[in-house]
Protein backbone atom coordinates (compact mmCIF):
# COMPACT_ATOMS: atom_id res chain seq x y z
CA UNK A 1 -25.25 -13.03 70.92
CA UNK A 2 -21.97 -12.43 69.10
CA UNK A 3 -20.79 -13.08 65.56
CA UNK A 4 -17.80 -15.09 66.79
CA UNK A 5 -17.26 -16.83 70.11
CA UNK A 6 -13.62 -17.85 70.65
CA UNK A 7 -12.74 -20.38 73.35
CA UNK A 8 -9.26 -19.95 74.79
CA UNK A 9 -7.07 -16.81 74.78
CA UNK A 10 -3.74 -18.49 74.08
CA UNK A 11 -1.34 -18.18 71.17
CA UNK A 12 -4.17 -18.58 68.63
CA UNK A 13 -7.20 -17.18 70.45
CA UNK A 14 -5.62 -13.82 71.26
CA UNK A 15 -4.58 -13.37 67.62
CA UNK A 16 -8.01 -14.29 66.26
CA UNK A 17 -9.87 -12.04 68.68
CA UNK A 18 -7.68 -9.08 67.80
CA UNK A 19 -7.72 -9.62 64.04
CA UNK A 20 -11.44 -10.38 63.70
CA UNK A 21 -12.43 -7.40 65.85
CA UNK A 22 -10.52 -5.09 63.48
CA UNK A 23 -13.74 -5.25 61.45
CA UNK A 24 -16.09 -2.93 63.31
CA UNK A 25 -19.10 -4.61 61.71
CA UNK A 26 -18.58 -7.88 63.60
CA UNK A 27 -18.78 -8.68 67.31
CA UNK A 28 -16.28 -10.99 68.95
CA UNK A 29 -16.33 -12.67 72.36
CA UNK A 30 -13.15 -14.24 73.73
CA UNK A 31 -13.48 -16.57 76.73
CA UNK A 32 -10.55 -17.59 78.92
CA UNK A 33 -10.59 -19.85 81.98
CA UNK A 34 -7.58 -18.11 83.50
CA UNK A 35 -7.17 -14.54 84.63
CA UNK A 36 -5.83 -11.36 82.99
CA UNK A 37 -2.26 -12.55 83.67
CA UNK A 38 -0.71 -9.11 83.37
CA UNK A 39 1.49 -9.08 86.48
CA UNK A 40 5.26 -9.32 86.82
CA UNK A 41 5.26 -13.12 86.61
CA UNK A 42 4.04 -12.91 83.04
CA UNK A 43 6.04 -9.83 82.06
CA UNK A 44 9.52 -10.62 83.42
CA UNK A 45 11.12 -13.14 81.04
CA UNK A 46 13.03 -15.11 83.69
CA UNK A 47 9.87 -15.56 85.80
CA UNK A 48 9.31 -18.81 83.94
CA UNK A 49 11.33 -20.45 86.71
CA UNK A 50 8.21 -19.96 88.87
CA UNK A 51 5.43 -20.55 86.33
CA UNK A 52 6.72 -23.57 84.36
CA UNK A 53 7.19 -25.91 87.34
CA UNK A 54 3.83 -24.84 88.74
CA UNK A 55 5.04 -22.95 91.78
CA UNK A 56 2.41 -20.39 90.76
CA UNK A 57 -0.55 -22.49 89.66
CA UNK A 58 -2.70 -19.51 88.68
CA UNK A 59 -0.79 -19.43 85.38
CA UNK A 60 -0.34 -23.17 84.74
CA UNK A 61 -2.76 -26.07 84.40
CA UNK A 62 0.01 -28.51 85.49
CA UNK A 63 -1.53 -31.57 83.84
CA UNK A 64 -0.09 -35.01 84.61
CA UNK A 65 0.15 -37.77 82.03
CA UNK A 66 -0.95 -41.32 82.55
CA UNK A 67 1.96 -43.65 83.50
CA UNK A 68 4.24 -43.94 80.47
CA UNK A 69 5.07 -47.50 79.54
CA UNK A 70 8.11 -46.38 77.53
CA UNK A 71 9.45 -44.38 80.49
CA UNK A 72 9.41 -46.97 83.29
CA UNK A 73 5.73 -46.24 84.01
CA UNK A 74 6.54 -42.74 85.21
CA UNK A 75 3.83 -40.08 85.40
CA UNK A 76 5.16 -37.19 83.34
CA UNK A 77 4.39 -33.49 83.40
CA UNK A 78 2.39 -31.39 80.92
CA UNK A 79 2.50 -27.70 81.90
CA UNK A 80 0.04 -25.58 79.90
CA UNK A 81 -0.36 -21.83 80.24
CA UNK A 82 -3.45 -20.35 81.85
CA UNK A 83 -4.60 -16.76 81.36
CA UNK A 84 -4.63 -14.21 78.54
CA UNK A 85 -1.77 -15.43 76.39
CA UNK A 86 -2.06 -19.14 77.23
CA UNK A 87 1.18 -21.07 77.00
CA UNK A 88 2.96 -18.03 75.53
CA UNK A 89 2.79 -16.72 79.12
CA UNK A 90 5.11 -19.40 80.45
CA UNK A 91 7.16 -20.69 77.50
CA UNK A 92 10.85 -20.01 76.88
CA UNK A 93 9.90 -17.37 74.27
CA UNK A 94 12.07 -18.97 71.56
CA UNK A 95 11.05 -17.78 68.12
CA UNK A 96 11.29 -20.85 65.89
CA UNK A 97 9.15 -21.58 62.83
CA UNK A 98 10.25 -25.12 62.04
CA UNK A 99 11.71 -26.33 58.76
CA UNK A 100 10.19 -25.32 55.41
CA UNK A 101 9.84 -28.99 54.46
CA UNK A 102 7.59 -29.55 57.49
CA UNK A 103 4.89 -27.40 55.90
CA UNK A 104 5.43 -28.87 52.44
CA UNK A 105 4.85 -32.23 54.10
CA UNK A 106 1.55 -30.96 55.54
CA UNK A 107 0.47 -30.02 52.04
CA UNK A 108 1.45 -33.46 50.72
CA UNK A 109 -0.77 -35.03 53.40
CA UNK A 110 -3.85 -33.26 52.05
CA UNK A 111 -3.55 -29.96 53.93
CA UNK A 112 -3.91 -27.90 50.78
CA UNK A 113 -2.83 -24.29 51.22
CA UNK A 114 -0.35 -25.06 54.01
CA UNK A 115 2.92 -25.42 52.11
CA UNK A 116 5.80 -23.24 53.25
CA UNK A 117 5.19 -20.72 50.48
CA UNK A 118 1.54 -20.57 51.60
CA UNK A 119 2.34 -19.94 55.27
CA UNK A 120 5.44 -17.73 54.94
CA UNK A 121 3.44 -14.51 54.29
CA UNK A 122 1.65 -14.98 57.61
CA UNK A 123 4.87 -15.54 59.54
CA UNK A 124 6.10 -12.30 57.97
CA UNK A 125 2.83 -10.48 58.69
CA UNK A 126 2.96 -11.39 62.39
CA UNK A 127 6.57 -10.39 62.90
CA UNK A 128 8.30 -7.23 64.11
CA UNK A 129 11.85 -8.47 63.93
CA UNK A 130 14.64 -6.43 65.45
CA UNK A 131 16.88 -7.38 62.51
CA UNK A 132 14.54 -5.80 59.97
CA UNK A 133 12.56 -7.13 57.02
CA UNK A 134 13.69 -9.25 54.09
CA UNK A 135 12.32 -12.11 52.00
CA UNK A 136 11.90 -14.26 55.13
CA UNK A 137 11.24 -11.74 57.90
CA UNK A 138 8.87 -8.90 58.71
CA UNK A 139 9.00 -5.55 60.45
CA UNK A 140 5.95 -3.81 61.87
CA UNK A 141 3.81 -6.80 62.86
CA UNK A 142 2.40 -7.20 66.38
CA UNK A 143 4.81 -9.95 67.54
CA UNK A 144 8.12 -8.41 68.54
CA UNK A 145 11.06 -10.73 67.91
CA UNK A 146 14.30 -9.66 69.55
CA UNK A 147 17.95 -10.54 69.70
CA UNK A 148 19.38 -11.12 73.14
CA UNK A 149 20.88 -7.87 74.40
CA UNK A 150 23.30 -9.91 76.49
CA UNK A 151 24.10 -13.63 76.62
CA UNK A 152 26.29 -15.40 79.11
CA UNK A 153 29.82 -16.17 77.94
CA UNK A 154 29.30 -19.91 78.36
CA UNK A 155 27.14 -19.82 75.22
CA UNK A 156 30.27 -19.08 73.23
CA UNK A 157 31.76 -22.27 74.61
CA UNK A 158 28.73 -24.18 73.32
CA UNK A 159 29.10 -22.67 69.85
CA UNK A 160 32.86 -23.31 69.75
CA UNK A 161 32.41 -26.90 70.92
CA UNK A 162 29.73 -27.48 68.27
CA UNK A 163 32.05 -26.08 65.60
CA UNK A 164 34.84 -28.36 66.85
CA UNK A 165 32.57 -31.30 66.07
CA UNK A 166 32.00 -30.03 62.54
CA UNK A 167 28.57 -28.45 63.02
CA UNK A 168 27.96 -25.14 61.21
CA UNK A 169 27.30 -21.91 63.09
CA UNK A 170 23.85 -20.54 62.25
CA UNK A 171 22.98 -16.91 62.94
CA UNK A 172 19.30 -17.32 62.00
CA UNK A 173 17.38 -20.55 62.65
CA UNK A 174 14.49 -19.04 60.66
CA UNK A 175 16.67 -18.12 57.72
CA UNK A 176 17.51 -20.02 54.54
CA UNK A 177 18.95 -22.97 56.50
CA UNK A 178 17.89 -24.35 59.87
CA UNK A 179 20.85 -26.64 60.54
CA UNK A 180 23.62 -25.55 62.88
CA UNK A 181 24.30 -24.07 66.31
CA UNK A 182 23.48 -20.50 67.28
CA UNK A 183 21.83 -18.00 69.60
CA UNK A 184 18.03 -18.04 69.71
CA UNK A 185 15.86 -15.03 68.99
CA UNK A 186 13.01 -14.55 71.45
CA UNK A 187 9.49 -13.14 71.52
CA UNK A 188 10.34 -10.16 73.70
CA UNK A 189 9.61 -6.48 73.28
CA UNK A 190 12.70 -4.78 71.89
CA UNK A 191 11.21 -1.30 71.55
CA UNK A 192 8.38 0.75 73.00
CA UNK A 193 7.10 1.15 76.57
CA UNK A 194 7.22 -2.61 77.22
CA UNK A 195 10.86 -3.00 76.21
CA UNK A 196 12.45 -6.04 77.85
CA UNK A 197 9.14 -7.72 78.68
CA UNK A 198 7.81 -11.05 77.48
CA UNK A 199 5.87 -10.59 74.24
CA UNK A 200 3.10 -13.12 74.76
CA UNK A 201 0.39 -13.42 72.12
CA UNK A 202 -1.94 -11.41 74.35
CA UNK A 203 0.63 -8.67 74.97
CA UNK A 204 1.41 -8.55 71.25
CA UNK A 205 -2.11 -8.63 69.82
CA UNK A 206 -4.82 -8.24 72.42
CA UNK A 207 -4.14 -6.08 75.47
CA UNK A 208 -3.94 -2.77 73.64
CA UNK A 209 -7.36 -3.36 72.05
CA UNK A 210 -9.52 -4.37 75.00
CA UNK A 211 -11.48 -1.12 74.72
CA UNK A 212 -12.87 -1.94 71.28
CA UNK A 213 -16.67 -1.75 71.57
CA UNK A 214 -17.12 -4.86 69.39
CA UNK A 215 -14.70 -7.00 71.45
CA UNK A 216 -15.79 -8.67 74.68
CA UNK A 217 -13.10 -10.50 76.71
CA UNK A 218 -14.28 -12.69 79.56
CA UNK A 219 -11.70 -14.13 81.97
CA UNK A 220 -12.03 -16.61 84.86
CA UNK A 221 -14.81 -18.36 82.98
CA UNK A 222 -14.62 -22.06 82.21
CA UNK A 223 -16.32 -23.33 79.05
CA UNK A 224 -18.18 -26.50 80.01
CA UNK A 225 -19.46 -27.61 76.61
CA UNK A 226 -20.45 -26.46 73.17
CA UNK A 227 -24.09 -25.88 72.32
CA UNK A 228 -25.18 -27.83 69.25
CA UNK A 229 -28.43 -27.49 67.33
CA UNK A 230 -29.37 -29.37 64.17
CA UNK A 231 -25.81 -30.27 63.28
CA UNK A 232 -24.42 -26.81 63.99
CA UNK A 233 -22.37 -25.25 66.79
CA UNK A 234 -24.37 -22.25 67.96
CA UNK A 235 -22.59 -21.25 71.15
CA UNK A 236 -21.05 -22.38 74.42
CA UNK A 237 -22.09 -22.93 78.01
CA UNK A 238 -19.57 -21.43 80.42
CA UNK A 239 -19.30 -21.09 84.17
CA UNK A 240 -17.84 -18.39 86.37
CA UNK A 241 -18.23 -17.52 90.03
CA UNK A 242 -21.83 -16.48 89.46
CA UNK A 243 -22.98 -19.66 87.74
CA UNK A 244 -23.58 -20.90 84.22
CA UNK A 245 -24.45 -18.80 81.20
CA UNK A 246 -24.91 -19.26 77.48
CA UNK A 247 -22.96 -17.32 74.85
CA UNK A 248 -24.35 -17.62 71.33
CA UNK A 249 -22.42 -17.36 68.05
CA UNK A 250 -24.22 -16.09 64.97
CA UNK A 251 -21.41 -17.07 62.58
CA UNK A 252 -18.88 -19.42 64.23
CA UNK A 253 -17.62 -20.93 67.43
CA UNK A 254 -13.81 -21.07 67.20
CA UNK A 255 -12.10 -23.40 69.66
CA UNK A 256 -8.49 -22.47 70.53
CA UNK A 257 -8.04 -24.39 73.78
CA UNK A 258 -4.90 -26.26 72.74
CA UNK A 259 -3.90 -29.82 71.89
CA UNK A 260 -4.97 -31.17 75.28
CA UNK A 261 -8.09 -29.19 76.14
CA UNK A 262 -9.65 -28.77 72.70
CA UNK A 263 -10.31 -32.52 72.29
CA UNK A 264 -11.45 -32.66 75.92
CA UNK A 265 -14.04 -29.92 75.29
CA UNK A 266 -15.24 -31.62 72.11
CA UNK A 267 -15.71 -34.92 73.91
CA UNK A 268 -17.52 -33.24 76.81
CA UNK A 269 -19.85 -31.84 74.13
CA UNK A 270 -20.60 -35.30 72.70
CA UNK A 271 -18.13 -35.09 69.81
CA UNK A 272 -15.58 -37.88 69.71
CA UNK A 273 -15.18 -41.67 69.86
CA UNK A 274 -18.71 -42.91 70.54
CA UNK A 275 -17.81 -45.85 72.81
CA UNK A 276 -15.57 -43.66 74.96
CA UNK A 277 -18.27 -41.01 75.33
CA UNK A 278 -20.92 -43.57 76.24
CA UNK A 279 -18.62 -45.04 78.89
CA UNK A 280 -18.68 -41.64 80.62
CA UNK A 281 -22.43 -41.17 80.27
CA UNK A 282 -22.14 -38.51 77.57
CA UNK A 283 -24.77 -38.41 74.84
CA UNK A 284 -23.14 -38.84 71.45
CA UNK A 285 -23.76 -35.91 69.10
CA UNK A 286 -21.18 -36.97 66.51
CA UNK A 287 -19.10 -40.14 66.41
CA UNK A 288 -15.65 -38.85 65.41
CA UNK A 289 -13.04 -41.48 66.40
CA UNK A 290 -10.05 -39.28 65.54
CA UNK A 291 -10.84 -36.60 68.13
CA UNK A 292 -8.14 -36.96 70.77
CA UNK A 293 -6.01 -39.32 68.67
CA UNK A 294 -2.69 -38.65 66.89
CA UNK A 295 -1.10 -36.92 69.92
CA UNK A 296 2.56 -36.11 69.26
CA UNK A 297 5.03 -34.37 71.54
CA UNK A 298 8.72 -33.58 71.71
CA UNK A 299 10.29 -35.83 74.29
CA UNK A 300 13.40 -34.33 75.85
CA UNK A 301 16.46 -35.76 77.62
CA UNK A 302 18.68 -33.49 79.72
CA UNK A 303 22.36 -33.67 80.61
CA UNK A 304 23.16 -31.50 83.63
CA UNK A 305 26.68 -30.42 84.64
CA UNK A 306 27.88 -28.50 87.68
CA UNK A 307 30.25 -25.60 87.14
CA UNK A 308 32.38 -23.32 89.29
CA UNK A 309 31.51 -20.44 86.96
CA UNK A 310 29.18 -18.06 88.77
CA UNK A 311 28.33 -16.44 85.45
CA UNK A 312 25.73 -19.20 85.01
CA UNK A 313 22.30 -18.85 86.55
CA UNK A 314 22.25 -20.57 89.90
CA UNK A 315 21.41 -20.68 93.57
CA UNK A 316 24.24 -19.02 95.43
CA UNK A 317 25.31 -15.76 97.00
CA UNK A 318 26.82 -14.41 93.79
CA UNK A 319 23.64 -15.31 91.91
CA UNK A 320 21.45 -13.54 94.43
CA UNK A 321 23.53 -10.36 94.23
CA UNK A 322 23.48 -10.54 90.45
CA UNK A 323 19.70 -10.96 90.41
CA UNK A 324 19.16 -7.88 92.55
CA UNK A 325 21.32 -5.78 90.24
CA UNK A 326 19.62 -7.28 87.18
CA UNK A 327 16.16 -6.49 88.57
CA UNK A 328 17.10 -2.83 88.97
CA UNK A 329 18.52 -2.70 85.43
CA UNK A 330 15.44 -4.37 83.96
CA UNK A 331 13.08 -2.03 85.78
CA UNK A 332 14.96 1.09 84.68
CA UNK A 333 16.00 0.17 81.15
CA UNK A 334 14.33 -3.12 80.12
CA UNK A 335 17.75 -4.69 79.60
CA UNK A 336 20.03 -7.19 81.32
CA UNK A 337 19.94 -10.65 82.83
CA UNK A 338 16.20 -10.77 83.56
CA UNK A 339 15.61 -10.89 79.81
CA UNK A 340 17.33 -14.28 79.65
CA UNK A 341 15.35 -17.15 78.16
CA UNK A 342 17.65 -19.47 80.12
CA UNK A 343 17.85 -21.44 76.84
CA UNK A 344 20.02 -18.77 75.26
CA UNK A 345 21.63 -20.94 72.57
CA UNK A 346 20.92 -24.24 70.87
CA UNK A 347 21.23 -26.25 67.70
CA UNK A 348 19.36 -28.16 65.02
CA UNK A 349 21.39 -31.19 63.95
CA UNK A 350 21.15 -34.27 61.76
CA UNK A 351 21.89 -37.63 63.33
CA UNK A 352 22.25 -38.99 59.78
CA UNK A 353 23.88 -36.84 57.11
CA UNK A 354 21.58 -38.37 54.47
CA UNK A 355 18.53 -36.68 56.05
CA UNK A 356 16.88 -33.77 54.25
CA UNK A 357 16.52 -31.73 57.46
CA UNK A 358 17.66 -31.80 61.11
CA UNK A 359 16.01 -34.47 63.24
CA UNK A 360 17.13 -33.32 66.70
CA UNK A 361 17.04 -29.99 68.50
CA UNK A 362 19.35 -28.95 71.32
CA UNK A 363 18.50 -26.33 73.91
CA UNK A 364 21.60 -25.21 75.83
CA UNK A 365 20.53 -23.81 79.21
CA UNK A 366 22.75 -21.61 81.33
CA UNK A 367 21.50 -23.24 84.54
CA UNK A 368 21.02 -26.67 86.11
CA UNK A 369 17.40 -27.26 85.12
CA UNK A 370 16.27 -30.55 86.61
CA UNK A 371 12.76 -31.99 86.22
CA UNK A 372 11.28 -28.78 84.76
CA UNK A 373 13.01 -26.78 87.54
CA UNK A 374 10.91 -28.64 90.08
CA UNK A 375 14.09 -30.10 91.60
CA UNK A 376 16.53 -27.41 92.69
CA UNK A 377 20.29 -27.70 93.25
CA UNK A 378 22.49 -25.31 95.18
CA UNK A 379 25.28 -23.86 93.11
CA UNK A 380 25.86 -23.21 89.42
CA UNK A 381 25.95 -25.20 86.22
CA UNK A 382 24.50 -25.75 82.78
CA UNK A 383 22.19 -28.15 80.97
CA UNK A 384 21.96 -29.53 77.46
CA UNK A 385 18.54 -30.72 76.33
CA UNK A 386 18.11 -32.93 73.28
CA UNK A 387 14.77 -33.82 71.69
CA UNK A 388 13.68 -35.91 68.73
CA UNK A 389 11.96 -33.49 66.35
CA UNK A 390 9.67 -35.84 64.43
CA UNK A 391 8.65 -38.69 66.72
CA UNK A 392 6.88 -41.72 65.32
CA UNK A 393 5.10 -42.49 68.60
CA UNK A 394 1.44 -41.51 68.74
CA UNK A 395 -0.68 -41.03 71.84
CA UNK A 396 -4.17 -39.92 72.86
CA UNK A 397 -6.15 -37.46 74.93
CA UNK A 398 -9.23 -38.94 76.59
CA UNK A 399 -11.69 -38.03 79.32
CA UNK A 400 -11.02 -39.03 82.88
CA UNK A 401 -14.71 -38.43 83.58
CA UNK A 402 -17.68 -36.42 82.40
CA UNK A 403 -16.70 -33.65 84.83
CA UNK A 404 -15.53 -30.64 82.80
CA UNK A 405 -13.39 -29.50 85.73
CA UNK A 406 -11.36 -32.71 85.76
CA UNK A 407 -8.01 -32.86 84.01
CA UNK A 408 -7.95 -34.81 80.74
CA UNK A 409 -6.24 -38.17 80.49
CA UNK A 410 -3.06 -37.36 78.58
CA UNK A 411 -1.12 -40.28 77.11
CA UNK A 412 1.71 -39.17 74.79
CA UNK A 413 2.78 -42.83 74.49
CA UNK A 414 6.43 -41.79 74.56
CA UNK A 415 8.91 -44.23 72.98
CA UNK A 416 6.22 -46.75 72.03
CA UNK A 417 7.71 -46.67 68.54
CA UNK A 418 11.29 -48.04 68.79
CA UNK A 419 12.51 -45.72 66.02
CA UNK A 420 12.32 -42.79 68.41
CA UNK A 421 14.73 -44.40 70.86
CA UNK A 422 17.22 -45.07 68.08
CA UNK A 423 17.28 -41.36 67.15
CA UNK A 424 17.54 -40.44 70.83
CA UNK A 425 20.67 -42.55 71.27
CA UNK A 426 22.38 -40.87 68.35
CA UNK A 427 21.27 -37.44 69.52
CA UNK A 428 22.47 -37.94 73.09
CA UNK A 429 25.85 -39.14 71.85
CA UNK A 430 26.22 -36.12 69.56
CA UNK A 431 25.31 -33.78 72.41
CA UNK A 432 27.74 -35.50 74.76
CA UNK A 433 30.53 -35.03 72.22
CA UNK A 434 29.80 -31.29 72.14
CA UNK A 435 29.84 -31.03 75.94
CA UNK A 436 33.16 -32.89 76.05
CA UNK A 437 34.75 -30.36 73.68
CA UNK A 438 37.78 -28.38 74.76
CA UNK A 439 35.82 -25.14 74.86
CA UNK A 440 34.01 -26.45 77.96
CA UNK A 441 37.16 -27.34 79.89
CA UNK A 442 37.08 -24.17 82.00
CA UNK A 443 33.39 -24.65 82.83
CA UNK A 444 33.02 -28.39 83.28
CA UNK A 445 32.40 -29.93 86.69
CA UNK A 446 30.55 -33.00 87.90
CA UNK A 447 27.74 -34.38 85.76
CA UNK A 448 24.65 -34.92 87.90
CA UNK A 449 23.25 -37.98 86.14
CA UNK A 450 26.06 -39.62 84.17
CA UNK A 451 24.98 -42.40 81.82
CA UNK A 452 27.10 -45.17 80.39
CA UNK A 453 28.17 -45.29 76.75
CA UNK A 454 26.49 -48.53 75.73
CA UNK A 455 23.10 -48.67 74.02
CA UNK A 456 21.61 -50.37 77.07
CA UNK A 457 22.95 -47.72 79.44
CA UNK A 458 21.71 -44.86 77.26
CA UNK A 459 18.30 -46.48 76.88
CA UNK A 460 18.03 -46.88 80.65
CA UNK A 461 19.01 -43.24 81.25
CA UNK A 462 16.52 -41.94 78.69
CA UNK A 463 13.70 -44.06 80.06
CA UNK A 464 14.53 -42.95 83.61
CA UNK A 465 14.66 -39.19 83.04
CA UNK A 466 13.21 -38.02 79.72
CA UNK A 467 10.09 -35.84 79.71
CA UNK A 468 8.31 -33.27 77.56
CA UNK A 469 9.80 -30.09 76.12
CA UNK A 470 6.20 -28.76 75.90
CA UNK A 471 5.04 -29.17 72.29
CA UNK A 472 1.90 -31.39 72.19
CA UNK A 473 0.05 -31.30 68.85
CA UNK A 474 -2.16 -33.29 66.52
CA UNK A 475 -5.26 -34.30 68.48
CA UNK A 476 -7.73 -32.75 66.00
CA UNK A 477 -5.81 -33.49 62.83
CA UNK A 478 -6.27 -31.38 59.70
CA UNK A 479 -6.60 -33.11 56.34
CA UNK A 480 -8.67 -33.83 53.26
CA UNK A 481 -9.33 -37.51 53.97
CA UNK A 482 -12.49 -39.01 55.39
CA UNK A 483 -10.98 -39.42 58.88
CA UNK A 484 -9.69 -35.86 59.29
CA UNK A 485 -11.16 -33.86 62.16
CA UNK A 486 -10.91 -30.49 60.40
CA UNK A 487 -10.53 -29.57 56.74
CA UNK A 488 -7.72 -27.35 55.38
CA UNK A 489 -9.77 -24.25 56.30
CA UNK A 490 -9.80 -25.63 59.88
CA UNK A 491 -13.57 -26.08 59.74
CA UNK A 492 -14.81 -29.07 61.69
CA UNK A 493 -15.76 -32.00 59.48
CA UNK A 494 -19.36 -33.03 60.13
CA UNK A 495 -20.57 -29.93 61.98
CA UNK A 496 -21.33 -26.45 60.72
CA UNK A 497 -20.35 -23.27 62.52
CA UNK A 498 -17.33 -24.80 64.26
CA UNK A 499 -13.67 -24.16 63.60
CA UNK A 500 -10.56 -25.25 65.48
CA UNK A 501 -7.42 -23.12 65.45
CA UNK A 502 -4.57 -24.31 67.66
CA UNK A 503 -1.76 -26.89 67.72
CA UNK A 504 -4.29 -29.73 67.83
CA UNK A 505 -4.89 -29.41 64.08
CA UNK A 506 -1.26 -29.97 63.08
CA UNK A 507 -1.12 -33.30 61.20
CA UNK A 508 2.59 -33.72 61.98
CA UNK A 509 4.76 -32.12 64.62
CA UNK A 510 7.00 -29.46 63.13
CA UNK A 511 10.75 -29.46 63.66
CA UNK A 512 10.97 -26.83 66.38
CA UNK A 513 9.10 -24.89 69.04
CA UNK A 514 5.39 -24.49 68.35
CA UNK A 515 4.40 -21.00 69.55
CA UNK A 516 5.31 -19.08 66.38
CA UNK A 517 3.60 -21.65 64.08
CA UNK A 518 0.36 -21.44 66.07
CA UNK A 519 0.40 -17.64 65.81
CA UNK A 520 0.94 -18.01 62.06
CA UNK A 521 -2.01 -20.40 61.81
CA UNK A 522 -4.26 -17.91 63.58
CA UNK A 523 -3.10 -15.06 61.33
CA UNK A 524 -3.79 -17.17 58.25
CA UNK A 525 -7.22 -18.26 59.45
CA UNK A 526 -8.24 -14.74 60.49
CA UNK A 527 -7.31 -13.44 57.05
CA UNK A 528 -9.36 -16.17 55.37
CA UNK A 529 -12.40 -15.47 57.57
CA UNK A 530 -12.19 -11.73 56.92
CA UNK A 531 -11.87 -12.40 53.20
CA UNK A 532 -15.17 -14.27 53.33
CA UNK A 533 -13.74 -17.63 52.37
CA UNK A 534 -12.11 -16.32 49.22
CA UNK A 535 -8.54 -17.45 48.94
CA UNK A 536 -5.45 -16.37 47.08
CA UNK A 537 -6.50 -13.02 45.60
CA UNK A 538 -8.29 -11.86 48.75
CA UNK A 539 -5.52 -13.02 51.02
CA UNK A 540 -2.94 -11.24 48.90
CA UNK A 541 -4.96 -8.07 49.27
CA UNK A 542 -5.23 -8.64 53.02
CA UNK A 543 -1.45 -8.91 53.20
CA UNK A 544 -0.86 -6.00 50.81
CA UNK A 545 1.05 -8.41 48.61
CA UNK A 546 -1.13 -8.22 45.49
């Protein structure tokens, strides 16, 4: 028996477990299906080249999608992190909050208390930014946010080429303005004994507190279903190598399994669309049609160019020599090339100047990254990724079967809304103009997958090669309306003792990478729980802002 049982030790679960267990009068149990995930593959920043494509499956669920009608019926890829830290173990570590108007839009949709001014204190609370504290940034929080100690010179070509096309240079994507091209900050340790390592949510919040007597962390244990009694979640049934066991929650079960696995767990527990559950022989505990609906994801199209410049990351003799030297530098000093995010620079741009915020994001990669690095090319080069930030297409997560060990059926329904393809065309053309700028003349070689200039040619190229940039959200939508899955306190509508805290509750996809927003959501929810449900005054005291 515990006060709180938390399912999933990812970007939200690690934060909640650490924050709630700060109160010595409560007991917290955190359950994770993966392992401790504290080896070099999760500490060395560039090791994502092994974990993202699934070459090391111990850290990645490697989910497939169903065939995507909008992408020539291709089966796409959904990598999700596995282990203490979840997807923050394998992501590109980019620290991006999204646009302030994204959160104001949440509030306008009935998510009261989630405007930008409401969430900003929790971004600040979480942050230990190398640049210091100000009205928008924090110093001293658990999540270390660092500047790159070294970026490859080709990034300067990207910035110069963007400026040539009239785009502003932005030194802080989380500052007063998001629009422009610049160098990303990353969630990496910039001081202390872990300097130069990936700062996953577990490394930031959890690992230093595993000895707390009121915190129990269980790894390699799969949660099979929630236990429900008289309209209340009272615990979970989980399974490890020794069999099944029950973990009971006196106060709350908090599900933090992510936008794909949270709805799967709910449905396995009899919570979801009744007809779908019955079709898989699952007894219906609560008919909630919106569980697993409203799936949104950032679809991404990549332009890949060869280069004779061996300063890029690549497969070649110079690259191998460089990697050996970089490994020694990283081990001794926590600096150098192994700290690269690969996506060292990027941009947030408007495809229509009348827009109130950027609608596309560019990730400029200093390597030829093809099909999530699952397809390798000898030599050197660079890649420019473009994604539509606020897609109109909506998909679903459903059960493939009643077997809790089976992968969920993931259908992002990419490009089923034609408006998304229209934005893609404009975004690809803008990105192509940047890559054709004079600043790239000394780097530019053969393009691997050239596409024609016409609408038809661009559409064909996008449908043939686009895939996720890893930001699924929305499958347990937050709101105040009758159809919402959780309320603005992230409590499940229709069941007591159950809360959901992860990207699944986002009503709309934010304009950027999702790791930092999920950490913010967990910080905000932990503060509310510790304040006993009291809001502004208690939360101000919690944040020392009163």
